Amino acid sequence: MSEILYVRGDATVPSVKGAKVIAHVCNDIGGWGKGFVLALSRRWPEPEAAYRAWHRDRAKNDFGLGAVQLVRVEPYVWVANMIGQRGIRRGSKGVPVRYEAIDTALARLAGEVIELGASVHMPRIGCGLAGGTWSRTEPLITERLVKRGIKVTVYDHGEGRG
């Protein structure tokens, strides 16, 4: 079984051939404006527009924790908006990350990725503004994606694997 590949660089610029899905975690309240989404929005307007429309029409769709929205941004590149955090603030209920929702979203994503014949590229999802820890997130990625034969690359902006 392969493992997650860790590289230094920008997850919005995967440097491999073939179909690619850039996966990241979104909140469940329609907020888009801090963290990795800013890098996405600098490259493509479609993921933010699709996420906002998905949230706006949530009474009529599957928007909510654990849901995934695939947005095509280039002929062989998609962005996966995965709802994996409740709100955006740390408070009495702890940090916004919801590991169960990330797990559900990754399981849903796996089917889509296999159908596309794509590799998956991501920052350390759930670990930035969502407040999660990589030691809790990494096993979910291994279980849901890597064990199904999906190539996963995780991008760190600064130093290497930590």
N, C-alpha and C. Protein backbone atom coordinates (compact mmCIF):
# COMPACT_ATOMS: atom_id res chain seq x y z
N MET A 1 0.85 -1.19 0.00
CA MET A 1 0.00 0.00 0.00
C MET A 1 0.88 1.25 0.00
N SER A 2 0.51 2.21 -0.80
CA SER A 2 1.30 3.45 -0.84
C SER A 2 0.98 4.29 0.39
N GLU A 3 1.71 5.35 0.55
CA GLU A 3 1.51 6.25 1.67
C GLU A 3 1.22 7.63 1.13
N ILE A 4 0.87 8.52 2.04
CA ILE A 4 0.69 9.92 1.68
C ILE A 4 2.06 10.50 1.35
N LEU A 5 2.13 11.24 0.24
CA LEU A 5 3.37 11.92 -0.13
C LEU A 5 3.31 13.34 0.42
N TYR A 6 4.36 13.72 1.15
CA TYR A 6 4.45 15.07 1.71
C TYR A 6 5.44 15.87 0.90
N VAL A 7 5.04 17.05 0.47
CA VAL A 7 5.94 17.91 -0.29
C VAL A 7 5.83 19.35 0.22
N ARG A 8 6.87 20.12 -0.06
CA ARG A 8 6.83 21.53 0.24
C ARG A 8 6.28 22.23 -0.99
N GLY A 9 5.32 23.12 -0.83
CA GLY A 9 4.80 23.81 -1.98
C GLY A 9 3.37 24.27 -1.79
N ASP A 10 2.73 24.57 -2.90
CA ASP A 10 1.39 25.15 -2.93
C ASP A 10 0.40 24.10 -3.46
N ALA A 11 -0.56 23.74 -2.63
CA ALA A 11 -1.55 22.72 -3.02
C ALA A 11 -2.43 23.16 -4.19
N THR A 12 -2.45 24.46 -4.51
CA THR A 12 -3.25 24.90 -5.65
C THR A 12 -2.51 24.72 -6.97
N VAL A 13 -1.25 24.25 -6.90
CA VAL A 13 -0.45 24.05 -8.10
C VAL A 13 0.15 22.63 -8.10
N PRO A 14 -0.71 21.60 -8.19
CA PRO A 14 -0.18 20.24 -8.19
C PRO A 14 0.64 20.00 -9.45
N SER A 15 1.85 19.45 -9.27
CA SER A 15 2.76 19.31 -10.42
C SER A 15 2.83 17.87 -10.93
N VAL A 16 1.69 17.23 -11.03
CA VAL A 16 1.67 15.87 -11.59
C VAL A 16 0.78 15.86 -12.82
N LYS A 17 0.96 14.84 -13.64
CA LYS A 17 0.14 14.72 -14.84
C LYS A 17 -1.19 14.05 -14.49
N GLY A 18 -2.16 14.21 -15.38
CA GLY A 18 -3.44 13.53 -15.20
C GLY A 18 -4.45 14.35 -14.40
N ALA A 19 -5.60 13.73 -14.16
CA ALA A 19 -6.68 14.39 -13.43
C ALA A 19 -6.29 14.59 -11.97
N LYS A 20 -6.63 15.76 -11.44
CA LYS A 20 -6.27 16.13 -10.08
C LYS A 20 -7.47 16.72 -9.36
N VAL A 21 -7.62 16.35 -8.09
CA VAL A 21 -8.64 16.96 -7.23
C VAL A 21 -7.91 17.63 -6.07
N ILE A 22 -8.17 18.92 -5.90
CA ILE A 22 -7.61 19.67 -4.77
C ILE A 22 -8.68 19.69 -3.70
N ALA A 23 -8.43 19.01 -2.58
CA ALA A 23 -9.42 18.87 -1.52
C ALA A 23 -9.09 19.80 -0.36
N HIS A 24 -10.13 20.41 0.19
CA HIS A 24 -9.95 21.27 1.37
C HIS A 24 -11.23 21.25 2.19
N VAL A 25 -11.12 21.75 3.41
CA VAL A 25 -12.25 21.74 4.34
C VAL A 25 -12.88 23.13 4.42
N CYS A 26 -14.21 23.15 4.35
CA CYS A 26 -15.00 24.38 4.48
C CYS A 26 -15.83 24.29 5.76
N ASN A 27 -16.36 25.44 6.16
CA ASN A 27 -17.27 25.46 7.32
C ASN A 27 -18.72 25.29 6.88
N ASP A 28 -19.60 25.12 7.85
CA ASP A 28 -21.02 24.86 7.55
C ASP A 28 -21.90 26.10 7.67
N ILE A 29 -21.28 27.29 7.70
CA ILE A 29 -22.08 28.52 7.84
C ILE A 29 -21.95 29.47 6.65
N GLY A 30 -21.30 29.02 5.59
CA GLY A 30 -21.21 29.85 4.39
C GLY A 30 -20.06 30.83 4.37
N GLY A 31 -19.16 30.73 5.35
CA GLY A 31 -18.03 31.66 5.41
C GLY A 31 -16.88 31.21 4.52
N TRP A 32 -16.39 32.14 3.72
CA TRP A 32 -15.25 31.87 2.81
C TRP A 32 -14.43 33.15 2.80
N GLY A 33 -13.27 33.15 3.42
CA GLY A 33 -12.52 34.39 3.44
C GLY A 33 -11.22 34.36 4.20
N LYS A 34 -10.87 33.20 4.80
CA LYS A 34 -9.60 33.09 5.52
C LYS A 34 -8.99 31.73 5.23
N GLY A 35 -7.67 31.67 5.34
CA GLY A 35 -6.98 30.40 5.21
C GLY A 35 -6.78 29.98 3.75
N PHE A 36 -6.80 28.68 3.54
CA PHE A 36 -6.49 28.09 2.23
C PHE A 36 -7.44 28.57 1.13
N VAL A 37 -8.69 28.89 1.49
CA VAL A 37 -9.64 29.32 0.46
C VAL A 37 -9.18 30.59 -0.25
N LEU A 38 -8.39 31.40 0.42
CA LEU A 38 -7.88 32.62 -0.23
C LEU A 38 -6.95 32.27 -1.38
N ALA A 39 -6.12 31.23 -1.17
CA ALA A 39 -5.22 30.78 -2.24
C ALA A 39 -6.04 30.23 -3.40
N LEU A 40 -7.10 29.49 -3.09
CA LEU A 40 -7.98 28.96 -4.15
C LEU A 40 -8.61 30.10 -4.93
N SER A 41 -9.14 31.08 -4.21
CA SER A 41 -9.83 32.20 -4.87
C SER A 41 -8.89 33.06 -5.71
N ARG A 42 -7.62 33.11 -5.33
CA ARG A 42 -6.65 33.86 -6.14
C ARG A 42 -6.44 33.19 -7.50
N ARG A 43 -6.58 31.86 -7.55
CA ARG A 43 -6.38 31.13 -8.80
C ARG A 43 -7.65 30.98 -9.63
N TRP A 44 -8.77 30.71 -8.96
CA TRP A 44 -10.03 30.43 -9.66
C TRP A 44 -11.21 31.01 -8.89
N PRO A 45 -12.14 31.67 -9.58
CA PRO A 45 -13.33 32.19 -8.90
C PRO A 45 -14.41 31.11 -8.67
N GLU A 46 -14.36 30.03 -9.43
CA GLU A 46 -15.45 29.04 -9.41
C GLU A 46 -15.69 28.35 -8.07
N PRO A 47 -14.64 27.91 -7.34
CA PRO A 47 -14.92 27.20 -6.08
C PRO A 47 -15.69 28.05 -5.06
N GLU A 48 -15.31 29.31 -4.92
CA GLU A 48 -16.01 30.19 -3.98
C GLU A 48 -17.43 30.44 -4.44
N ALA A 49 -17.62 30.73 -5.71
CA ALA A 49 -18.97 31.00 -6.23
C ALA A 49 -19.87 29.77 -6.05
N ALA A 50 -19.32 28.59 -6.33
CA ALA A 50 -20.11 27.36 -6.19
C ALA A 50 -20.45 27.10 -4.73
N TYR A 51 -19.47 27.30 -3.83
CA TYR A 51 -19.69 27.09 -2.39
C TYR A 51 -20.77 28.04 -1.88
N ARG A 52 -20.68 29.32 -2.26
CA ARG A 52 -21.67 30.30 -1.78
C ARG A 52 -23.07 29.97 -2.30
N ALA A 53 -23.17 29.55 -3.55
CA ALA A 53 -24.48 29.17 -4.11
C ALA A 53 -25.01 27.91 -3.42
N TRP A 54 -24.12 26.96 -3.17
CA TRP A 54 -24.48 25.71 -2.47
C TRP A 54 -25.04 26.02 -1.10
N HIS A 55 -24.38 26.94 -0.37
CA HIS A 55 -24.84 27.34 0.97
C HIS A 55 -26.16 28.11 0.88
N ARG A 56 -26.24 29.03 -0.07
CA ARG A 56 -27.44 29.85 -0.23
C ARG A 56 -28.67 28.99 -0.50
N ASP A 57 -28.51 27.93 -1.31
CA ASP A 57 -29.64 27.06 -1.69
C ASP A 57 -29.71 25.80 -0.82
N ARG A 58 -29.13 25.84 0.39
CA ARG A 58 -29.00 24.64 1.22
C ARG A 58 -30.32 23.98 1.59
N ALA A 59 -31.41 24.74 1.55
CA ALA A 59 -32.72 24.13 1.85
C ALA A 59 -33.09 23.09 0.79
N LYS A 60 -32.47 23.21 -0.41
CA LYS A 60 -32.83 22.33 -1.53
C LYS A 60 -31.70 21.39 -1.94
N ASN A 61 -30.61 21.31 -1.14
CA ASN A 61 -29.51 20.43 -1.55
C ASN A 61 -28.90 19.73 -0.34
N ASP A 62 -27.73 19.12 -0.53
CA ASP A 62 -27.11 18.31 0.52
C ASP A 62 -26.09 19.08 1.36
N PHE A 63 -26.05 20.42 1.27
CA PHE A 63 -25.09 21.21 2.03
C PHE A 63 -25.21 20.89 3.52
N GLY A 64 -24.09 20.54 4.13
CA GLY A 64 -24.05 20.26 5.56
C GLY A 64 -22.81 19.46 5.88
N LEU A 65 -22.58 19.23 7.16
CA LEU A 65 -21.39 18.49 7.58
C LEU A 65 -21.28 17.16 6.85
N GLY A 66 -20.11 16.89 6.31
CA GLY A 66 -19.85 15.63 5.60
C GLY A 66 -20.12 15.68 4.11
N ALA A 67 -20.72 16.77 3.63
CA ALA A 67 -21.04 16.87 2.20
C ALA A 67 -19.80 17.29 1.40
N VAL A 68 -19.81 16.96 0.11
CA VAL A 68 -18.70 17.29 -0.79
C VAL A 68 -19.27 17.90 -2.07
N GLN A 69 -18.64 18.95 -2.54
CA GLN A 69 -19.01 19.59 -3.80
C GLN A 69 -17.76 19.62 -4.68
N LEU A 70 -17.84 18.97 -5.85
CA LEU A 70 -16.71 19.00 -6.79
C LEU A 70 -16.95 20.11 -7.80
N VAL A 71 -15.94 20.97 -7.95
CA VAL A 71 -16.03 22.11 -8.86
C VAL A 71 -14.89 22.02 -9.86
N ARG A 72 -15.24 21.92 -11.14
CA ARG A 72 -14.20 21.84 -12.18
C ARG A 72 -13.66 23.24 -12.44
N VAL A 73 -12.31 23.36 -12.38
CA VAL A 73 -11.69 24.67 -12.57
C VAL A 73 -10.77 24.72 -13.78
N GLU A 74 -10.34 23.57 -14.24
CA GLU A 74 -9.53 23.43 -15.45
C GLU A 74 -9.91 22.10 -16.08
N PRO A 75 -9.51 21.85 -17.32
CA PRO A 75 -9.92 20.59 -17.95
C PRO A 75 -9.63 19.34 -17.12
N TYR A 76 -8.52 19.31 -16.38
CA TYR A 76 -8.17 18.12 -15.59
C TYR A 76 -7.99 18.43 -14.11
N VAL A 77 -8.58 19.53 -13.66
CA VAL A 77 -8.45 19.91 -12.24
C VAL A 77 -9.83 20.24 -11.67
N TRP A 78 -10.11 19.64 -10.51
CA TRP A 78 -11.33 19.91 -9.76
C TRP A 78 -10.94 20.36 -8.37
N VAL A 79 -11.79 21.16 -7.74
CA VAL A 79 -11.64 21.51 -6.33
C VAL A 79 -12.78 20.85 -5.58
N ALA A 80 -12.43 20.15 -4.49
CA ALA A 80 -13.45 19.50 -3.65
C ALA A 80 -13.67 20.35 -2.41
N ASN A 81 -14.84 21.01 -2.36
CA ASN A 81 -15.26 21.74 -1.17
C ASN A 81 -15.88 20.71 -0.23
N MET A 82 -15.21 20.41 0.88
CA MET A 82 -15.71 19.41 1.83
C MET A 82 -16.13 20.11 3.13
N ILE A 83 -17.36 19.90 3.55
CA ILE A 83 -17.84 20.55 4.77
C ILE A 83 -17.38 19.72 5.97
N GLY A 84 -16.37 20.25 6.67
CA GLY A 84 -15.76 19.50 7.76
C GLY A 84 -15.56 20.29 9.03
N GLN A 85 -16.18 21.45 9.11
CA GLN A 85 -16.08 22.19 10.37
C GLN A 85 -17.40 22.89 10.67
N ARG A 86 -17.74 22.91 11.97
CA ARG A 86 -18.96 23.56 12.45
C ARG A 86 -18.61 24.98 12.83
N GLY A 87 -19.15 25.93 12.08
CA GLY A 87 -18.86 27.33 12.37
C GLY A 87 -17.40 27.68 12.12
N ILE A 88 -16.98 28.81 12.71
CA ILE A 88 -15.62 29.28 12.47
C ILE A 88 -14.90 29.69 13.76
N ARG A 89 -15.60 29.65 14.89
CA ARG A 89 -14.98 30.13 16.12
C ARG A 89 -14.68 29.01 17.11
N ARG A 90 -13.58 29.20 17.85
CA ARG A 90 -13.28 28.31 18.96
C ARG A 90 -14.09 28.83 20.13
N GLY A 91 -14.69 27.95 20.90
CA GLY A 91 -15.49 28.40 22.03
C GLY A 91 -15.68 27.29 23.03
N SER A 92 -16.79 27.34 23.75
CA SER A 92 -17.05 26.36 24.80
C SER A 92 -17.16 24.94 24.26
N LYS A 93 -17.51 24.81 22.99
CA LYS A 93 -17.62 23.48 22.38
C LYS A 93 -16.31 23.06 21.73
N GLY A 94 -15.23 23.80 21.96
CA GLY A 94 -13.93 23.45 21.41
C GLY A 94 -13.68 24.09 20.05
N VAL A 95 -12.86 23.41 19.26
CA VAL A 95 -12.47 23.94 17.95
C VAL A 95 -13.53 23.58 16.90
N PRO A 96 -13.55 24.31 15.77
CA PRO A 96 -14.57 24.07 14.75
C PRO A 96 -14.47 22.74 13.99
N VAL A 97 -13.28 22.12 13.95
CA VAL A 97 -13.13 20.90 13.16
C VAL A 97 -14.08 19.81 13.66
N ARG A 98 -14.62 19.04 12.69
CA ARG A 98 -15.47 17.89 13.02
C ARG A 98 -14.89 16.69 12.27
N TYR A 99 -14.15 15.86 12.98
CA TYR A 99 -13.46 14.74 12.35
C TYR A 99 -14.43 13.77 11.68
N GLU A 100 -15.59 13.55 12.30
CA GLU A 100 -16.57 12.63 11.71
C GLU A 100 -17.03 13.17 10.35
N ALA A 101 -17.20 14.48 10.24
CA ALA A 101 -17.62 15.09 8.98
C ALA A 101 -16.52 14.98 7.94
N ILE A 102 -15.27 15.18 8.35
CA ILE A 102 -14.15 15.03 7.41
C ILE A 102 -14.09 13.59 6.93
N ASP A 103 -14.28 12.64 7.84
CA ASP A 103 -14.26 11.22 7.49
C ASP A 103 -15.35 10.90 6.46
N THR A 104 -16.56 11.39 6.71
CA THR A 104 -17.68 11.17 5.79
C THR A 104 -17.39 11.81 4.43
N ALA A 105 -16.87 13.03 4.45
CA ALA A 105 -16.57 13.74 3.20
C ALA A 105 -15.49 13.01 2.40
N LEU A 106 -14.46 12.53 3.09
CA LEU A 106 -13.39 11.80 2.40
C LEU A 106 -13.92 10.51 1.78
N ALA A 107 -14.81 9.83 2.48
CA ALA A 107 -15.40 8.59 1.95
C ALA A 107 -16.20 8.90 0.69
N ARG A 108 -16.95 10.00 0.70
CA ARG A 108 -17.73 10.41 -0.48
C ARG A 108 -16.79 10.83 -1.61
N LEU A 109 -15.74 11.54 -1.25
CA LEU A 109 -14.78 12.02 -2.25
C LEU A 109 -14.11 10.85 -2.96
N ALA A 110 -13.79 9.79 -2.22
CA ALA A 110 -13.08 8.64 -2.78
C ALA A 110 -13.78 8.10 -4.03
N GLY A 111 -15.08 7.92 -3.95
CA GLY A 111 -15.83 7.41 -5.10
C GLY A 111 -15.72 8.31 -6.32
N GLU A 112 -15.82 9.59 -6.09
CA GLU A 112 -15.73 10.58 -7.18
C GLU A 112 -14.32 10.55 -7.80
N VAL A 113 -13.31 10.50 -6.95
CA VAL A 113 -11.93 10.52 -7.41
C VAL A 113 -11.60 9.27 -8.23
N ILE A 114 -12.07 8.12 -7.75
CA ILE A 114 -11.84 6.87 -8.48
C ILE A 114 -12.50 6.94 -9.85
N GLU A 115 -13.71 7.48 -9.90
CA GLU A 115 -14.43 7.61 -11.17
C GLU A 115 -13.67 8.52 -12.14
N LEU A 116 -13.06 9.58 -11.62
CA LEU A 116 -12.29 10.52 -12.45
C LEU A 116 -10.90 9.98 -12.79
N GLY A 117 -10.45 8.96 -12.06
CA GLY A 117 -9.09 8.47 -12.23
C GLY A 117 -8.08 9.52 -11.79
N ALA A 118 -8.42 10.24 -10.74
CA ALA A 118 -7.62 11.39 -10.31
C ALA A 118 -6.75 11.10 -9.10
N SER A 119 -5.77 11.97 -8.88
CA SER A 119 -4.99 11.98 -7.65
C SER A 119 -5.57 13.11 -6.79
N VAL A 120 -5.27 13.08 -5.48
CA VAL A 120 -5.80 14.09 -4.56
C VAL A 120 -4.65 14.90 -3.99
N HIS A 121 -4.87 16.21 -3.92
CA HIS A 121 -3.87 17.16 -3.45
C HIS A 121 -4.53 18.04 -2.41
N MET A 122 -3.81 18.30 -1.29
CA MET A 122 -4.44 19.07 -0.22
C MET A 122 -3.41 19.68 0.71
N PRO A 123 -3.82 20.75 1.40
CA PRO A 123 -3.00 21.20 2.53
C PRO A 123 -3.30 20.22 3.69
N ARG A 124 -2.81 20.49 4.86
CA ARG A 124 -3.14 19.64 6.02
C ARG A 124 -4.56 20.00 6.46
N ILE A 125 -5.52 19.38 5.82
CA ILE A 125 -6.93 19.72 6.03
C ILE A 125 -7.34 19.59 7.49
N GLY A 126 -8.17 20.53 7.92
CA GLY A 126 -8.70 20.51 9.27
C GLY A 126 -7.75 21.00 10.33
N CYS A 127 -6.53 21.39 9.94
CA CYS A 127 -5.50 21.73 10.93
C CYS A 127 -5.17 23.22 11.00
N GLY A 128 -5.71 24.00 10.11
CA GLY A 128 -5.43 25.44 10.15
C GLY A 128 -6.45 26.14 11.02
N LEU A 129 -7.30 26.92 10.39
CA LEU A 129 -8.32 27.67 11.12
C LEU A 129 -9.32 26.75 11.82
N ALA A 130 -9.49 25.53 11.32
CA ALA A 130 -10.44 24.60 11.93
C ALA A 130 -9.96 24.10 13.28
N GLY A 131 -8.64 24.23 13.55
CA GLY A 131 -8.12 23.92 14.86
C GLY A 131 -7.85 22.45 15.16
N GLY A 132 -7.87 21.62 14.15
CA GLY A 132 -7.66 20.19 14.38
C GLY A 132 -6.19 19.82 14.42
N THR A 133 -5.92 18.54 14.67
CA THR A 133 -4.56 18.06 14.71
C THR A 133 -4.35 17.05 13.58
N TRP A 134 -3.14 17.07 13.01
CA TRP A 134 -2.83 16.18 11.90
C TRP A 134 -2.86 14.72 12.35
N SER A 135 -2.51 14.45 13.59
CA SER A 135 -2.50 13.08 14.09
C SER A 135 -3.90 12.47 14.10
N ARG A 136 -4.94 13.32 14.12
CA ARG A 136 -6.32 12.82 14.04
C ARG A 136 -6.82 12.78 12.60
N THR A 137 -6.30 13.67 11.75
CA THR A 137 -6.78 13.77 10.37
C THR A 137 -6.08 12.78 9.44
N GLU A 138 -4.78 12.63 9.60
CA GLU A 138 -4.01 11.77 8.70
C GLU A 138 -4.56 10.35 8.60
N PRO A 139 -4.93 9.68 9.72
CA PRO A 139 -5.47 8.31 9.61
C PRO A 139 -6.78 8.25 8.80
N LEU A 140 -7.57 9.31 8.82
CA LEU A 140 -8.82 9.34 8.04
C LEU A 140 -8.49 9.34 6.54
N ILE A 141 -7.48 10.11 6.16
CA ILE A 141 -7.05 10.18 4.76
C ILE A 141 -6.50 8.83 4.31
N THR A 142 -5.70 8.23 5.19
CA THR A 142 -5.13 6.91 4.87
C THR A 142 -6.25 5.89 4.69
N GLU A 143 -7.19 5.87 5.60
CA GLU A 143 -8.28 4.89 5.57
C GLU A 143 -9.20 5.08 4.36
N ARG A 144 -9.62 6.32 4.12
CA ARG A 144 -10.63 6.59 3.09
C ARG A 144 -10.08 6.71 1.68
N LEU A 145 -8.85 7.18 1.54
CA LEU A 145 -8.29 7.41 0.20
C LEU A 145 -7.14 6.46 -0.13
N VAL A 146 -6.08 6.50 0.67
CA VAL A 146 -4.87 5.73 0.36
C VAL A 146 -5.17 4.23 0.27
N LYS A 147 -5.93 3.72 1.21
CA LYS A 147 -6.23 2.28 1.20
C LYS A 147 -7.09 1.86 0.01
N ARG A 148 -7.68 2.83 -0.67
CA ARG A 148 -8.46 2.54 -1.88
C ARG A 148 -7.63 2.76 -3.14
N GLY A 149 -6.32 2.95 -2.95
CA GLY A 149 -5.43 3.08 -4.10
C GLY A 149 -5.32 4.47 -4.68
N ILE A 150 -5.84 5.46 -3.96
CA ILE A 150 -5.80 6.84 -4.45
C ILE A 150 -4.49 7.48 -4.01
N LYS A 151 -3.80 8.11 -4.97
CA LYS A 151 -2.55 8.81 -4.66
C LYS A 151 -2.90 10.15 -4.00
N VAL A 152 -2.32 10.39 -2.83
CA VAL A 152 -2.58 11.62 -2.07
C VAL A 152 -1.28 12.35 -1.82
N THR A 153 -1.27 13.65 -2.13
CA THR A 153 -0.12 14.50 -1.84
C THR A 153 -0.58 15.60 -0.90
N VAL A 154 0.17 15.78 0.19
CA VAL A 154 -0.11 16.84 1.17
C VAL A 154 0.99 17.89 1.04
N TYR A 155 0.56 19.14 0.95
CA TYR A 155 1.48 20.25 0.72
C TYR A 155 1.66 21.07 1.99
N ASP A 156 2.93 21.32 2.32
CA ASP A 156 3.28 22.20 3.42
C ASP A 156 3.94 23.43 2.81
N HIS A 157 3.52 24.60 3.25
CA HIS A 157 4.09 25.83 2.71
C HIS A 157 5.51 26.07 3.18
N GLY A 158 5.78 25.82 4.45
CA GLY A 158 7.10 26.12 4.99
C GLY A 158 7.95 24.87 5.08
N GLU A 159 8.21 24.46 6.30
CA GLU A 159 9.07 23.30 6.55
C GLU A 159 8.38 22.01 6.12
N GLY A 160 9.13 20.93 6.11
CA GLY A 160 8.61 19.63 5.69
C GLY A 160 7.69 19.00 6.71
N ARG A 161 7.56 17.69 6.65
CA ARG A 161 6.64 16.95 7.51
C ARG A 161 6.94 17.21 8.98
N GLY A 162 5.87 17.46 9.75
CA GLY A 162 6.09 17.76 11.18
C GLY A 162 5.16 17.00 12.05
